[in-house]
Amino acid sequence: MKKYRLQKGYTQEEFAEKINKTVNYVSLLENAHMGITVYTLIEIATALEIAPAKLLEPCEKVSGRIKNYKKVTH
């Protein structure tokens, strides 16, 4: 999730607002400290404009911060 969020240029705060969750919730998900419902998985995938299956693929740990910000419109 973090990889795709960063590719879209969202901060955790912006993304949390976009999916109507708290920043803490987003952080817990990104660090695999919380489970997720199928409904929320679909909401996240929709917000990131990716197929839900992409969020289920194995991935490497993503570190770093957004280097180039872009304006996100809702």
N, C-alpha and C. Protein backbone atom coordinates (compact mmCIF):
# COMPACT_ATOMS: atom_id res chain seq x y z
N MET A 1 0.81 -1.18 0.00
CA MET A 1 0.00 0.00 0.00
C MET A 1 0.87 1.26 0.00
N LYS A 2 1.90 1.25 0.81
CA LYS A 2 2.76 2.43 0.90
C LYS A 2 3.39 2.76 -0.45
N LYS A 3 3.85 1.74 -1.14
CA LYS A 3 4.48 1.93 -2.45
C LYS A 3 3.53 2.68 -3.39
N TYR A 4 2.30 2.24 -3.46
CA TYR A 4 1.33 2.86 -4.36
C TYR A 4 0.91 4.24 -3.86
N ARG A 5 0.83 4.40 -2.55
CA ARG A 5 0.50 5.72 -1.99
C ARG A 5 1.58 6.74 -2.35
N LEU A 6 2.83 6.33 -2.19
CA LEU A 6 3.94 7.23 -2.52
C LEU A 6 4.00 7.52 -4.01
N GLN A 7 3.70 6.53 -4.84
CA GLN A 7 3.68 6.75 -6.29
C GLN A 7 2.63 7.78 -6.68
N LYS A 8 1.53 7.82 -5.94
CA LYS A 8 0.48 8.80 -6.21
C LYS A 8 0.80 10.16 -5.60
N GLY A 9 1.81 10.21 -4.74
CA GLY A 9 2.21 11.49 -4.14
C GLY A 9 1.41 11.88 -2.92
N TYR A 10 0.69 10.93 -2.31
CA TYR A 10 -0.09 11.23 -1.12
C TYR A 10 0.75 11.09 0.14
N THR A 11 0.58 12.02 1.05
CA THR A 11 1.11 11.83 2.40
C THR A 11 0.17 10.87 3.11
N GLN A 12 0.58 10.37 4.26
CA GLN A 12 -0.33 9.52 5.03
C GLN A 12 -1.59 10.29 5.41
N GLU A 13 -1.42 11.55 5.74
CA GLU A 13 -2.56 12.39 6.13
C GLU A 13 -3.55 12.55 4.99
N GLU A 14 -3.03 12.86 3.80
CA GLU A 14 -3.90 13.03 2.63
C GLU A 14 -4.62 11.73 2.29
N PHE A 15 -3.86 10.62 2.35
CA PHE A 15 -4.46 9.35 2.00
C PHE A 15 -5.50 8.92 3.02
N ALA A 16 -5.23 9.14 4.29
CA ALA A 16 -6.19 8.81 5.34
C ALA A 16 -7.49 9.56 5.11
N GLU A 17 -7.39 10.81 4.76
CA GLU A 17 -8.58 11.62 4.49
C GLU A 17 -9.32 11.07 3.27
N LYS A 18 -8.58 10.69 2.26
CA LYS A 18 -9.18 10.18 1.02
C LYS A 18 -9.99 8.90 1.26
N ILE A 19 -9.53 8.04 2.17
CA ILE A 19 -10.23 6.79 2.44
C ILE A 19 -11.06 6.85 3.72
N ASN A 20 -11.18 8.05 4.28
CA ASN A 20 -11.99 8.29 5.48
C ASN A 20 -11.54 7.44 6.67
N LYS A 21 -10.22 7.39 6.87
CA LYS A 21 -9.63 6.67 8.01
C LYS A 21 -8.69 7.62 8.73
N THR A 22 -8.15 7.18 9.85
CA THR A 22 -7.19 8.01 10.59
C THR A 22 -5.78 7.77 10.06
N VAL A 23 -4.90 8.71 10.34
CA VAL A 23 -3.49 8.55 9.97
C VAL A 23 -2.91 7.34 10.70
N ASN A 24 -3.29 7.17 11.96
CA ASN A 24 -2.81 6.03 12.72
C ASN A 24 -3.22 4.71 12.05
N TYR A 25 -4.43 4.63 11.54
CA TYR A 25 -4.91 3.44 10.85
C TYR A 25 -4.06 3.15 9.62
N VAL A 26 -3.79 4.17 8.82
CA VAL A 26 -2.96 4.02 7.63
C VAL A 26 -1.57 3.53 8.01
N SER A 27 -1.00 4.12 9.04
CA SER A 27 0.32 3.72 9.50
C SER A 27 0.34 2.25 9.94
N LEU A 28 -0.66 1.86 10.71
CA LEU A 28 -0.74 0.47 11.17
C LEU A 28 -0.84 -0.50 10.00
N LEU A 29 -1.63 -0.15 9.01
CA LEU A 29 -1.76 -1.02 7.83
C LEU A 29 -0.44 -1.11 7.07
N GLU A 30 0.19 0.03 6.86
CA GLU A 30 1.43 0.05 6.09
C GLU A 30 2.55 -0.72 6.79
N ASN A 31 2.50 -0.81 8.08
CA ASN A 31 3.53 -1.51 8.83
C ASN A 31 3.10 -2.92 9.24
N ALA A 32 2.01 -3.40 8.64
CA ALA A 32 1.49 -4.74 8.87
C ALA A 32 1.20 -5.04 10.34
N HIS A 33 0.68 -4.03 11.04
CA HIS A 33 0.34 -4.20 12.44
C HIS A 33 -1.16 -4.33 12.63
N MET A 34 -1.89 -4.42 11.52
CA MET A 34 -3.35 -4.51 11.60
C MET A 34 -3.86 -5.27 10.39
N GLY A 35 -4.90 -6.04 10.62
CA GLY A 35 -5.55 -6.74 9.51
C GLY A 35 -6.44 -5.78 8.74
N ILE A 36 -7.02 -6.28 7.66
CA ILE A 36 -7.83 -5.43 6.80
C ILE A 36 -9.02 -6.23 6.29
N THR A 37 -10.16 -5.57 6.18
CA THR A 37 -11.33 -6.23 5.61
C THR A 37 -11.28 -6.14 4.09
N VAL A 38 -12.02 -7.01 3.45
CA VAL A 38 -12.09 -6.97 1.98
C VAL A 38 -12.68 -5.63 1.54
N TYR A 39 -13.67 -5.15 2.24
CA TYR A 39 -14.29 -3.87 1.90
C TYR A 39 -13.26 -2.73 1.92
N THR A 40 -12.45 -2.68 2.98
CA THR A 40 -11.43 -1.64 3.09
C THR A 40 -10.35 -1.82 2.02
N LEU A 41 -9.99 -3.06 1.73
CA LEU A 41 -9.02 -3.34 0.67
C LEU A 41 -9.50 -2.75 -0.66
N ILE A 42 -10.77 -2.94 -0.95
CA ILE A 42 -11.35 -2.41 -2.20
C ILE A 42 -11.38 -0.88 -2.17
N GLU A 43 -11.71 -0.30 -1.01
CA GLU A 43 -11.70 1.17 -0.89
C GLU A 43 -10.31 1.73 -1.16
N ILE A 44 -9.30 1.09 -0.59
CA ILE A 44 -7.91 1.54 -0.75
C ILE A 44 -7.49 1.41 -2.20
N ALA A 45 -7.78 0.27 -2.81
CA ALA A 45 -7.42 0.05 -4.21
C ALA A 45 -8.09 1.08 -5.11
N THR A 46 -9.35 1.36 -4.84
CA THR A 46 -10.09 2.35 -5.63
C THR A 46 -9.44 3.73 -5.49
N ALA A 47 -9.09 4.10 -4.27
CA ALA A 47 -8.45 5.40 -4.02
C ALA A 47 -7.09 5.50 -4.72
N LEU A 48 -6.40 4.37 -4.81
CA LEU A 48 -5.07 4.35 -5.45
C LEU A 48 -5.15 4.08 -6.94
N GLU A 49 -6.36 3.82 -7.43
CA GLU A 49 -6.60 3.53 -8.85
C GLU A 49 -5.80 2.31 -9.33
N ILE A 50 -5.85 1.25 -8.52
CA ILE A 50 -5.20 -0.01 -8.87
C ILE A 50 -6.17 -1.15 -8.62
N ALA A 51 -5.86 -2.30 -9.18
CA ALA A 51 -6.67 -3.49 -8.92
C ALA A 51 -6.44 -3.96 -7.48
N PRO A 52 -7.48 -4.38 -6.78
CA PRO A 52 -7.30 -4.86 -5.40
C PRO A 52 -6.24 -5.96 -5.28
N ALA A 53 -6.13 -6.80 -6.28
CA ALA A 53 -5.14 -7.89 -6.25
C ALA A 53 -3.72 -7.36 -6.12
N LYS A 54 -3.45 -6.16 -6.61
CA LYS A 54 -2.11 -5.56 -6.49
C LYS A 54 -1.70 -5.40 -5.03
N LEU A 55 -2.67 -5.15 -4.17
CA LEU A 55 -2.37 -4.95 -2.75
C LEU A 55 -2.09 -6.27 -2.03
N LEU A 56 -2.38 -7.37 -2.69
CA LEU A 56 -2.17 -8.69 -2.09
C LEU A 56 -0.88 -9.34 -2.57
N GLU A 57 -0.21 -8.74 -3.53
CA GLU A 57 1.04 -9.30 -4.04
C GLU A 57 2.16 -9.12 -3.03
N PRO A 58 3.06 -10.11 -2.96
CA PRO A 58 4.24 -9.94 -2.09
C PRO A 58 5.04 -8.73 -2.54
N CYS A 59 5.64 -8.04 -1.59
CA CYS A 59 6.43 -6.87 -1.96
C CYS A 59 7.59 -6.70 -0.99
N GLU A 60 8.53 -5.90 -1.43
CA GLU A 60 9.67 -5.55 -0.58
C GLU A 60 9.24 -4.41 0.33
N LYS A 61 9.93 -4.29 1.45
CA LYS A 61 9.66 -3.18 2.35
C LYS A 61 9.99 -1.87 1.64
N VAL A 62 9.11 -0.91 1.77
CA VAL A 62 9.31 0.39 1.13
C VAL A 62 9.69 1.38 2.21
N SER A 63 10.78 2.07 1.99
CA SER A 63 11.18 3.09 2.95
C SER A 63 11.35 4.40 2.21
N GLY A 64 11.45 5.44 2.97
CA GLY A 64 11.67 6.75 2.35
C GLY A 64 10.47 7.64 2.49
N ARG A 65 10.64 8.82 1.99
CA ARG A 65 9.59 9.83 2.06
C ARG A 65 9.32 10.34 0.65
N ILE A 66 8.23 11.05 0.54
CA ILE A 66 7.90 11.67 -0.74
C ILE A 66 8.92 12.75 -1.01
N LYS A 67 9.52 12.70 -2.18
CA LYS A 67 10.52 13.71 -2.53
C LYS A 67 9.92 14.81 -3.40
N ASN A 68 8.98 14.44 -4.24
CA ASN A 68 8.34 15.42 -5.11
C ASN A 68 6.85 15.42 -4.81
N TYR A 69 6.37 16.53 -4.31
CA TYR A 69 4.96 16.63 -3.99
C TYR A 69 4.20 17.11 -5.21
N LYS A 70 2.98 16.63 -5.33
CA LYS A 70 2.12 17.15 -6.36
C LYS A 70 0.77 17.47 -5.75
N LYS A 71 0.10 18.43 -6.29
CA LYS A 71 -1.20 18.80 -5.76
C LYS A 71 -2.21 17.71 -6.10
N VAL A 72 -2.94 17.29 -5.09
CA VAL A 72 -3.94 16.26 -5.27
C VAL A 72 -5.31 16.91 -5.17
N THR A 73 -6.14 16.68 -6.17
CA THR A 73 -7.49 17.22 -6.12
C THR A 73 -8.46 16.09 -5.87
N HIS A 74 -9.52 16.41 -5.20
CA HIS A 74 -10.52 15.38 -4.83
C HIS A 74 -11.72 15.48 -5.70
